[in-house]
């Protein structure tokens, strides 16, 4: 009886461990200084029709990666002279069936420090369009479509407000914004940011709107407060690349710290821990398998960071870097599902074979190379688990490149990945050790046969959730 209670306690411990790991995988979110992520470009437009003009108050909020791509002249007048007319052309305003060109009335660019010392960029502008005489009498139909930075992810909001010079009758968007002109994003909307790209409305010029001025912000662009340069456990990793004085001692300490940051990152949600646990729990995995798995995840993760860094620097005109994230997530999820189903089928078939009972534990005379055939799925599992790189590591790489420290940035990323590998390998070794300990206790055959099936089912469940999350992110 006592032996059975001990076995049951160990089984429940194993089930709870898998449940915790599964929960962490389902709630994984990358750390970033910008609330919407390092790759995002958010857009905001407030349309204010009047008696003779239509005024559009416009704002752009660029996170670290796109701000870095804008170039080094963002704080110069030449940048605004070039960018503001482009933004005006991207706002397609149609009034009474005719396209009205918007002209620049005013503009302001603000650069503040973001994660890793990289800039975050904000543009505030006001555009106006003169109303033709033919539409200044009676109700007028109008449409504003924002085509700037199409395909780029971020908050997209349009509001239409009446003024003392024109009353708004109908509109497809609200009169009040929810982001305070991209200065305060609602916390409950960060997972599914607002994506409004066009607004249809009608207005009557020369008639005061009864709600004119209610809750309207000051008309002149307001300089935003500097954004925090990165918080949380990875904030220090991002700032490390921006150290002004890189002495040998500083470099050594930073590299050691990067290993620690990688380890902390691996202990956070996601990063294949659930897949590692579920796979090694249901197989006769060895310490060698755990080592191969950890190293493969790390190598894939590091290569992904280098690849996205190169794309960000040289190929962003053809491939938008943040578009690769949902693609990678979808591919990862589908591959995990396929592997989980394969494991489930193989273990179900093996469960029905009478001789499988004799293979629940390694035979003392088993050939030492009997498990070599299982290395391939372990490698594939490592590739799947590491194919989604960490955005913070990309920020670190780009920061180093911007400071002319290409080699240092690559070594920092490698050190970060080494810490990641150490934790994943340690988890794998811990699970192998725990399985060997459990093997010394007599476990009923029904339970012993159920554990591999349950672990394969967990792999399938993780893959399904990764796939669904990738579809939602797209």
Protein backbone atom coordinates (compact mmCIF):
# COMPACT_ATOMS: atom_id res chain seq x y z
CA UNK A 1 0.00 0.00 0.00
CA UNK A 2 2.79 2.44 0.91
CA UNK A 3 4.57 1.62 -2.35
CA UNK A 4 1.41 2.36 -4.32
CA UNK A 5 0.97 5.70 -2.49
CA UNK A 6 4.57 6.62 -3.33
CA UNK A 7 4.03 5.74 -6.98
CA UNK A 8 0.81 7.73 -7.12
CA UNK A 9 2.51 10.76 -5.55
CA UNK A 10 5.30 10.64 -8.15
CA UNK A 11 2.78 10.30 -10.98
CA UNK A 12 0.80 13.30 -9.74
CA UNK A 13 4.04 15.29 -9.44
CA UNK A 14 4.83 14.47 -13.06
CA UNK A 15 1.33 15.44 -14.25
CA UNK A 16 1.42 18.74 -12.37
CA UNK A 17 4.86 19.57 -13.77
CA UNK A 18 3.61 19.02 -17.32
CA UNK A 19 0.51 21.12 -16.58
CA UNK A 20 2.61 24.03 -15.31
CA UNK A 21 4.89 23.86 -18.35
CA UNK A 22 1.88 23.71 -20.67
CA UNK A 23 0.39 26.77 -19.00
CA UNK A 24 3.63 28.70 -19.39
CA UNK A 25 3.75 27.87 -23.10
CA UNK A 26 0.20 29.06 -23.68
CA UNK A 27 0.82 32.43 -22.02
CA UNK A 28 4.20 33.17 -23.57
CA UNK A 29 4.84 36.76 -24.64
CA UNK A 30 8.13 38.31 -25.65
CA UNK A 31 9.54 41.05 -23.44
CA UNK A 32 9.77 44.46 -25.09
CA UNK A 33 10.14 48.11 -24.10
CA UNK A 34 7.34 49.25 -26.40
CA UNK A 35 3.95 47.97 -25.19
CA UNK A 36 3.13 46.64 -28.67
CA UNK A 37 6.56 45.19 -29.45
CA UNK A 38 9.88 46.31 -30.89
CA UNK A 39 8.74 46.02 -34.53
CA UNK A 40 5.52 48.04 -34.49
CA UNK A 41 4.48 51.26 -36.22
CA UNK A 42 1.27 52.73 -34.78
CA UNK A 43 -0.86 55.29 -36.65
CA UNK A 44 -3.54 57.71 -35.47
CA UNK A 45 -5.73 60.16 -37.39
CA UNK A 46 -8.30 62.59 -36.05
CA UNK A 47 -10.54 64.13 -38.73
CA UNK A 48 -12.07 67.54 -37.98
CA UNK A 49 -14.29 68.92 -40.77
CA UNK A 50 -14.91 72.67 -40.86
CA UNK A 51 -16.78 75.27 -42.86
CA UNK A 52 -14.03 75.73 -45.45
CA UNK A 53 -11.39 73.08 -44.65
CA UNK A 54 -10.97 69.56 -43.36
CA UNK A 55 -8.23 69.20 -40.80
CA UNK A 56 -6.45 65.91 -40.05
CA UNK A 57 -4.40 65.61 -36.87
CA UNK A 58 -1.99 62.74 -37.46
CA UNK A 59 0.47 60.84 -35.26
CA UNK A 60 3.02 58.08 -35.87
CA UNK A 61 4.62 56.02 -33.09
CA UNK A 62 7.58 53.90 -34.20
CA UNK A 63 9.15 51.28 -31.96
CA UNK A 64 12.86 50.52 -31.88
CA UNK A 65 13.34 48.45 -35.04
CA UNK A 66 11.45 50.64 -37.55
CA UNK A 67 12.84 53.80 -35.92
CA UNK A 68 16.33 52.39 -36.42
CA UNK A 69 15.51 51.73 -40.06
CA UNK A 70 14.43 55.35 -40.62
CA UNK A 71 18.07 56.43 -40.62
CA UNK A 72 20.30 58.83 -38.74
CA UNK A 73 18.74 62.11 -39.95
CA UNK A 74 15.38 61.77 -38.19
CA UNK A 75 15.94 64.87 -36.02
CA UNK A 76 16.81 67.14 -38.92
CA UNK A 77 14.51 69.47 -40.83
CA UNK A 78 15.38 67.59 -44.02
CA UNK A 79 13.76 64.45 -42.57
CA UNK A 80 10.45 66.24 -41.89
CA UNK A 81 10.58 68.00 -45.26
CA UNK A 82 10.83 64.60 -46.91
CA UNK A 83 8.58 62.51 -44.66
CA UNK A 84 5.59 64.79 -44.03
CA UNK A 85 4.53 65.14 -47.71
CA UNK A 86 4.83 61.35 -48.03
CA UNK A 87 2.56 60.86 -45.04
CA UNK A 88 0.08 63.39 -46.47
CA UNK A 89 -0.08 61.46 -49.74
CA UNK A 90 -0.70 58.26 -47.79
CA UNK A 91 -3.86 59.75 -46.29
CA UNK A 92 -6.47 59.43 -49.03
CA UNK A 93 -9.27 61.92 -48.39
CA UNK A 94 -12.37 61.78 -50.60
CA UNK A 95 -15.13 64.41 -50.22
CA UNK A 96 -18.25 64.42 -52.35
CA UNK A 97 -16.77 61.72 -54.59
CA UNK A 98 -13.59 63.69 -55.38
CA UNK A 99 -10.08 63.15 -54.00
CA UNK A 100 -8.80 66.19 -52.07
CA UNK A 101 -5.04 66.62 -51.59
CA UNK A 102 -3.84 67.23 -48.05
CA UNK A 103 -1.15 69.83 -47.44
CA UNK A 104 1.21 70.09 -44.50
CA UNK A 105 0.24 72.69 -41.91
CA UNK A 106 2.72 71.77 -39.16
CA UNK A 107 4.90 68.90 -38.00
CA UNK A 108 7.09 67.77 -35.16
CA UNK A 109 9.40 64.80 -34.69
CA UNK A 110 10.47 63.54 -31.26
CA UNK A 111 13.19 60.97 -30.64
CA UNK A 112 13.58 59.31 -27.25
CA UNK A 113 15.63 56.41 -25.96
CA UNK A 114 14.16 52.94 -26.25
CA UNK A 115 15.38 49.45 -25.49
CA UNK A 116 19.11 48.91 -25.83
CA UNK A 117 19.67 52.62 -26.42
CA UNK A 118 17.97 52.41 -29.81
CA UNK A 119 15.69 55.33 -30.70
CA UNK A 120 11.91 55.32 -30.58
CA UNK A 121 10.34 57.85 -32.91
CA UNK A 122 7.16 59.90 -32.79
CA UNK A 123 5.83 62.18 -35.53
CA UNK A 124 3.01 64.67 -34.86
CA UNK A 125 1.57 66.47 -37.86
CA UNK A 126 -1.44 68.50 -38.95
CA UNK A 127 -2.69 68.33 -42.54
CA UNK A 128 -5.48 70.37 -44.14
CA UNK A 129 -7.56 70.19 -47.33
CA UNK A 130 -9.65 73.05 -48.73
CA UNK A 131 -13.32 72.25 -49.42
CA UNK A 132 -14.52 73.03 -52.95
CA UNK A 133 -17.33 75.57 -53.21
CA UNK A 134 -19.72 72.95 -54.62
CA UNK A 135 -19.72 70.93 -51.37
CA UNK A 136 -20.12 73.80 -48.92
CA UNK A 137 -23.91 73.61 -48.94
CA UNK A 138 -25.89 70.67 -47.59
CA UNK A 139 -24.74 67.33 -46.21
CA UNK A 140 -21.51 65.94 -47.67
CA UNK A 141 -20.26 62.34 -47.77
CA UNK A 142 -16.57 61.82 -47.04
CA UNK A 143 -14.01 59.05 -46.63
CA UNK A 144 -10.51 58.98 -45.13
CA UNK A 145 -8.28 55.97 -45.76
CA UNK A 146 -4.85 55.60 -44.14
CA UNK A 147 -2.44 53.75 -46.44
CA UNK A 148 0.79 54.70 -44.68
CA UNK A 149 3.00 51.79 -43.65
CA UNK A 150 0.59 49.22 -44.99
CA UNK A 151 1.43 45.74 -43.77
CA UNK A 152 3.26 47.03 -40.70
CA UNK A 153 1.86 45.90 -37.37
CA UNK A 154 0.77 48.30 -34.66
CA UNK A 155 -2.13 50.30 -33.29
CA UNK A 156 -4.28 51.87 -36.05
CA UNK A 157 -6.96 54.34 -34.98
CA UNK A 158 -9.15 56.94 -36.72
CA UNK A 159 -11.70 59.22 -35.05
CA UNK A 160 -14.01 61.89 -36.53
CA UNK A 161 -15.05 64.93 -34.51
CA UNK A 162 -17.42 67.75 -35.29
CA UNK A 163 -16.29 71.36 -34.90
CA UNK A 164 -17.83 74.79 -34.54
CA UNK A 165 -17.64 75.06 -38.32
CA UNK A 166 -19.24 71.73 -39.30
CA UNK A 167 -21.62 69.21 -37.75
CA UNK A 168 -20.97 65.51 -38.20
CA UNK A 169 -24.16 63.56 -38.97
CA UNK A 170 -23.02 59.98 -39.48
CA UNK A 171 -19.69 58.24 -38.95
CA UNK A 172 -18.29 54.72 -39.01
CA UNK A 173 -15.76 55.46 -36.23
CA UNK A 174 -16.06 57.02 -32.75
CA UNK A 175 -15.68 60.69 -31.92
CA UNK A 176 -13.33 60.00 -29.00
CA UNK A 177 -10.09 58.08 -29.15
CA UNK A 178 -9.01 55.35 -26.72
CA UNK A 179 -5.23 55.77 -27.01
CA UNK A 180 -4.91 59.49 -26.17
CA UNK A 181 -3.30 60.13 -29.56
CA UNK A 182 -1.00 57.10 -29.20
CA UNK A 183 0.25 58.21 -25.79
CA UNK A 184 -1.53 55.63 -23.63
CA UNK A 185 -2.42 52.23 -25.06
CA UNK A 186 -5.19 50.38 -23.17
CA UNK A 187 -3.65 47.40 -21.38
CA UNK A 188 -6.59 45.16 -22.22
CA UNK A 189 -6.16 45.81 -25.96
CA UNK A 190 -2.46 45.02 -26.35
CA UNK A 191 -3.09 41.41 -27.42
CA UNK A 192 -5.58 42.55 -30.09
CA UNK A 193 -4.66 46.14 -30.96
CA UNK A 194 -7.11 48.39 -32.75
CA UNK A 195 -6.87 48.16 -36.56
CA UNK A 196 -9.02 50.89 -38.13
CA UNK A 197 -7.66 51.93 -41.52
CA UNK A 198 -10.57 53.96 -42.91
CA UNK A 199 -13.46 56.14 -41.74
CA UNK A 200 -16.68 57.05 -43.56
CA UNK A 201 -18.64 60.05 -42.37
CA UNK A 202 -21.01 62.81 -43.45
CA UNK A 203 -21.02 66.41 -42.31
CA UNK A 204 -22.76 69.72 -42.90
CA UNK A 205 -20.39 72.68 -43.43
CA UNK A 206 -21.35 75.94 -41.73
CA UNK A 207 -23.39 74.26 -38.98
CA UNK A 208 -21.83 74.01 -35.52
CA UNK A 209 -21.65 70.52 -34.07
CA UNK A 210 -23.41 70.30 -30.70
CA UNK A 211 -20.50 68.27 -29.27
CA UNK A 212 -17.76 70.50 -30.68
CA UNK A 213 -14.87 70.90 -28.28
CA UNK A 214 -16.02 68.17 -25.89
CA UNK A 215 -12.95 66.19 -24.88
CA UNK A 216 -10.87 67.58 -27.75
CA UNK A 217 -7.14 67.70 -27.14
CA UNK A 218 -5.09 70.80 -27.76
CA UNK A 219 -4.71 71.38 -31.50
CA UNK A 220 -0.94 71.83 -31.47
CA UNK A 221 1.21 68.67 -31.35
CA UNK A 222 2.40 67.88 -27.85
CA UNK A 223 5.88 66.52 -27.19
CA UNK A 224 5.52 63.04 -25.66
CA UNK A 225 7.37 62.01 -22.52
CA UNK A 226 10.54 59.94 -23.11
CA UNK A 227 9.86 56.23 -23.15
CA UNK A 228 11.52 53.91 -20.66
CA UNK A 229 14.65 52.28 -22.04
CA UNK A 230 13.52 48.76 -21.30
CA UNK A 231 12.33 47.12 -18.10
CA UNK A 232 12.18 43.62 -16.74
CA UNK A 233 14.92 40.99 -16.70
CA UNK A 234 15.93 41.64 -20.32
CA UNK A 235 16.18 45.41 -19.95
CA UNK A 236 19.76 45.08 -18.71
CA UNK A 237 20.66 42.81 -21.62
CA UNK A 238 19.40 45.40 -24.10
CA UNK A 239 21.26 48.22 -22.34
CA UNK A 240 24.50 46.23 -22.16
CA UNK A 241 25.09 46.60 -25.90
CA UNK A 242 24.85 50.39 -25.58
CA UNK A 243 27.69 50.75 -23.04
CA UNK A 244 29.72 53.81 -24.01
CA UNK A 245 33.08 52.57 -22.73
CA UNK A 246 33.81 49.00 -23.71
CA UNK A 247 36.90 48.05 -21.72
CA UNK A 248 38.03 44.40 -21.49
CA UNK A 249 36.66 44.18 -17.94
CA UNK A 250 33.30 45.64 -18.96
CA UNK A 251 33.12 43.31 -21.96
CA UNK A 252 33.89 40.24 -19.83
CA UNK A 253 31.36 41.15 -17.14
CA UNK A 254 28.74 41.90 -19.78
CA UNK A 255 29.28 38.57 -21.52
CA UNK A 256 28.91 36.70 -18.24
CA UNK A 257 25.78 38.70 -17.49
CA UNK A 258 24.44 37.86 -20.96
CA UNK A 259 24.69 34.16 -20.07
CA UNK A 260 22.68 34.85 -16.91
CA UNK A 261 20.08 36.86 -18.86
CA UNK A 262 19.72 34.00 -21.32
CA UNK A 263 19.15 31.59 -18.43
CA UNK A 264 16.49 33.88 -16.92
CA UNK A 265 14.88 34.19 -20.34
CA UNK A 266 14.69 30.40 -20.67
CA UNK A 267 13.01 30.17 -17.26
CA UNK A 268 10.24 32.46 -18.47
CA UNK A 269 7.17 31.33 -20.41
CA UNK A 270 7.59 29.32 -23.59
CA UNK A 271 10.91 28.48 -25.30
CA UNK A 272 10.17 24.82 -25.87
CA UNK A 273 10.30 23.73 -22.23
CA UNK A 274 6.91 22.07 -22.52
CA UNK A 275 7.94 20.19 -25.64
CA UNK A 276 11.23 19.14 -24.07
CA UNK A 277 9.44 17.90 -20.95
CA UNK A 278 6.71 16.06 -22.81
CA UNK A 279 9.11 14.38 -25.25
CA UNK A 280 11.65 13.21 -22.70
CA UNK A 281 8.93 12.09 -20.30
CA UNK A 282 7.43 9.66 -22.76
CA UNK A 283 10.62 8.28 -24.31
CA UNK A 284 13.70 6.48 -23.13
CA UNK A 285 15.66 9.69 -23.53
CA UNK A 286 19.21 9.82 -22.25
CA UNK A 287 21.45 12.61 -21.02
CA UNK A 288 22.92 12.70 -24.52
CA UNK A 289 19.44 13.36 -25.97
CA UNK A 290 18.89 16.19 -23.48
CA UNK A 291 22.22 17.76 -24.44
CA UNK A 292 21.52 17.50 -28.18
CA UNK A 293 18.07 18.98 -27.66
CA UNK A 294 19.34 21.98 -25.70
CA UNK A 295 22.18 22.71 -28.12
CA UNK A 296 19.91 22.43 -31.18
CA UNK A 297 17.37 24.85 -29.70
CA UNK A 298 20.16 27.31 -28.96
CA UNK A 299 21.82 27.03 -32.38
CA UNK A 300 18.49 27.56 -34.13
CA UNK A 301 17.61 30.51 -31.89
CA UNK A 302 20.98 32.19 -32.50
CA UNK A 303 20.78 31.66 -36.25
CA UNK A 304 17.27 33.15 -36.26
CA UNK A 305 18.49 36.29 -34.49
CA UNK A 306 21.33 36.73 -36.99
CA UNK A 307 18.98 36.15 -39.93
CA UNK A 308 16.37 38.67 -38.79
CA UNK A 309 19.13 41.14 -38.03
CA UNK A 310 20.37 40.86 -41.61
CA UNK A 311 16.81 41.19 -42.97
CA UNK A 312 16.18 44.27 -40.84
CA UNK A 313 19.33 45.95 -42.11
CA UNK A 314 19.35 45.01 -45.76
CA UNK A 315 16.13 43.40 -46.97
CA UNK A 316 13.31 45.18 -45.11
CA UNK A 317 12.06 46.69 -48.39
CA UNK A 318 11.23 43.22 -49.63
CA UNK A 319 10.56 41.33 -46.38
CA UNK A 320 8.94 43.03 -43.40
CA UNK A 321 10.73 41.48 -40.39
CA UNK A 322 7.72 41.38 -38.07
CA UNK A 323 5.72 39.52 -40.73
CA UNK A 324 8.10 36.59 -40.26
CA UNK A 325 7.06 36.14 -36.63
CA UNK A 326 3.51 34.84 -37.29
CA UNK A 327 4.87 32.73 -40.16
CA UNK A 328 7.52 31.20 -37.93
CA UNK A 329 4.96 30.69 -35.16
CA UNK A 330 2.56 29.00 -37.58
CA UNK A 331 5.27 26.73 -38.99
CA UNK A 332 6.46 25.89 -35.49
CA UNK A 333 2.93 25.09 -34.33
CA UNK A 334 2.14 22.87 -37.32
CA UNK A 335 5.44 21.02 -36.99
CA UNK A 336 4.82 20.44 -33.29
CA UNK A 337 1.35 19.10 -34.07
CA UNK A 338 2.79 16.78 -36.71
CA UNK A 339 5.48 15.51 -34.36
CA UNK A 340 2.99 15.07 -31.53
CA UNK A 341 0.62 13.09 -33.73
CA UNK A 342 3.50 10.95 -34.95
CA UNK A 343 4.55 10.24 -31.37
CA UNK A 344 0.96 9.53 -30.36
CA UNK A 345 0.46 7.09 -33.23
CA UNK A 346 3.77 5.32 -32.65
CA UNK A 347 3.13 4.95 -28.93
CA UNK A 348 -0.43 3.79 -29.46
CA UNK A 349 0.76 1.12 -31.86
CA UNK A 350 3.53 0.11 -29.48
CA UNK A 351 1.02 -0.10 -26.65
CA UNK A 352 -0.81 -2.89 -28.42
CA UNK A 353 2.25 -5.04 -28.87
CA UNK A 354 2.75 -7.67 -26.27
CA UNK A 355 6.52 -7.42 -26.25
CA UNK A 356 6.46 -3.70 -25.41
CA UNK A 357 6.06 -4.60 -21.78
CA UNK A 358 9.59 -5.92 -21.83
CA UNK A 359 10.93 -2.67 -23.28
CA UNK A 360 9.51 -0.31 -20.68
CA UNK A 361 12.98 -0.42 -19.11
CA UNK A 362 16.29 -0.80 -20.96
CA UNK A 363 17.53 -4.35 -21.13
CA UNK A 364 20.89 -4.83 -19.39
CA UNK A 365 22.34 -6.41 -22.54
CA UNK A 366 20.93 -3.82 -24.94
CA UNK A 367 23.39 -2.61 -27.53
CA UNK A 368 24.92 0.77 -26.55
CA UNK A 369 24.00 2.31 -29.92
CA UNK A 370 20.36 1.19 -29.85
CA UNK A 371 19.09 4.77 -29.44
CA UNK A 372 21.01 6.38 -32.28
CA UNK A 373 17.99 6.11 -34.54
CA UNK A 374 16.09 8.47 -32.18
CA UNK A 375 18.53 11.37 -32.56
CA UNK A 376 16.86 12.70 -35.70
CA UNK A 377 13.52 13.47 -34.02
CA UNK A 378 15.43 15.06 -31.14
CA UNK A 379 17.25 17.37 -33.57
CA UNK A 380 14.00 18.25 -35.32
CA UNK A 381 12.39 18.97 -31.97
CA UNK A 382 15.25 21.33 -31.12
CA UNK A 383 14.88 23.15 -34.43
CA UNK A 384 11.13 23.56 -33.87
CA UNK A 385 11.60 24.79 -30.31
CA UNK A 386 14.19 27.43 -31.25
CA UNK A 387 12.91 28.73 -34.58
CA UNK A 388 11.24 31.83 -33.05
CA UNK A 389 14.04 34.26 -32.04
CA UNK A 390 13.86 36.69 -29.14
CA UNK A 391 13.13 40.31 -30.22
CA UNK A 392 15.36 41.66 -27.44
CA UNK A 393 18.32 39.74 -28.83
CA UNK A 394 17.67 41.34 -32.23
CA UNK A 395 17.62 44.77 -30.57
CA UNK A 396 20.97 43.99 -28.93
CA UNK A 397 22.47 42.96 -32.26
CA UNK A 398 21.22 46.09 -34.03
CA UNK A 399 22.43 48.31 -31.20
CA UNK A 400 25.92 46.85 -31.46
CA UNK A 401 25.90 47.30 -35.23
CA UNK A 402 24.81 50.94 -34.87
CA UNK A 403 27.80 51.53 -32.57
CA UNK A 404 30.22 49.78 -34.92
CA UNK A 405 30.59 46.72 -32.66
CA UNK A 406 29.38 43.98 -34.98
CA UNK A 407 31.55 41.22 -33.54
CA UNK A 408 30.73 42.20 -29.97
CA UNK A 409 27.01 42.09 -30.71
CA UNK A 410 27.26 38.63 -32.25
CA UNK A 411 29.21 37.36 -29.25
CA UNK A 412 26.64 38.88 -26.88
CA UNK A 413 23.84 37.06 -28.68
CA UNK A 414 25.84 33.82 -28.60
CA UNK A 415 26.44 34.23 -24.84
CA UNK A 416 22.75 34.90 -24.30
CA UNK A 417 21.92 31.74 -26.24
CA UNK A 418 24.46 29.78 -24.20
CA UNK A 419 22.54 30.65 -21.05
CA UNK A 420 19.37 29.58 -22.80
CA UNK A 421 20.99 26.26 -23.73
CA UNK A 422 22.20 25.64 -20.17
CA UNK A 423 18.69 25.93 -18.74
CA UNK A 424 17.01 23.84 -21.43
CA UNK A 425 19.69 21.16 -21.13
CA UNK A 426 19.38 21.25 -17.34
CA UNK A 427 15.62 20.76 -17.55
CA UNK A 428 16.14 17.84 -19.91
CA UNK A 429 18.74 16.23 -17.62
CA UNK A 430 16.47 16.72 -14.62
CA UNK A 431 13.61 14.96 -16.40
CA UNK A 432 15.88 12.08 -17.48
CA UNK A 433 17.07 11.71 -13.88
CA UNK A 434 13.49 11.81 -12.56
CA UNK A 435 12.42 9.15 -15.07
CA UNK A 436 15.28 6.89 -14.00
CA UNK A 437 14.27 7.34 -10.37
CA UNK A 438 10.68 6.44 -11.18
CA UNK A 439 11.89 3.38 -13.08
CA UNK A 440 13.17 1.90 -9.82
CA UNK A 441 9.65 1.83 -8.41
CA UNK A 442 7.18 -0.74 -9.59
CA UNK A 443 4.50 1.03 -11.61
CA UNK A 444 1.29 -0.74 -12.68
CA UNK A 445 1.35 -1.62 -16.36
CA UNK A 446 -1.70 0.45 -17.20
CA UNK A 447 -0.10 3.59 -15.73
CA UNK A 448 3.26 2.90 -17.36
CA UNK A 449 1.58 2.60 -20.76
CA UNK A 450 -0.51 5.75 -20.22
CA UNK A 451 2.41 8.11 -19.47
CA UNK A 452 3.94 8.01 -22.99
CA UNK A 453 0.49 8.55 -24.54
CA UNK A 454 -0.23 11.46 -22.20
CA UNK A 455 3.11 13.12 -22.96
CA UNK A 456 2.50 12.80 -26.71
CA UNK A 457 -0.97 14.31 -26.24
CA UNK A 458 0.64 17.27 -24.44
CA UNK A 459 2.92 17.82 -27.45
CA UNK A 460 -0.14 17.85 -29.74
CA UNK A 461 -1.96 20.29 -27.43
CA UNK A 462 1.00 22.67 -27.36
CA UNK A 463 1.25 22.55 -31.15
CA UNK A 464 -2.47 23.30 -31.55
CA UNK A 465 -2.23 26.31 -29.23
CA UNK A 466 0.88 27.62 -31.01
CA UNK A 467 -0.94 27.31 -34.33
CA UNK A 468 -4.06 29.09 -33.06
CA UNK A 469 -2.01 31.87 -31.49
CA UNK A 470 -0.07 32.34 -34.72
CA UNK A 471 -3.33 32.63 -36.66
CA UNK A 472 -4.59 35.23 -34.23
CA UNK A 473 -1.40 37.23 -34.42
CA UNK A 474 -1.60 37.41 -38.16
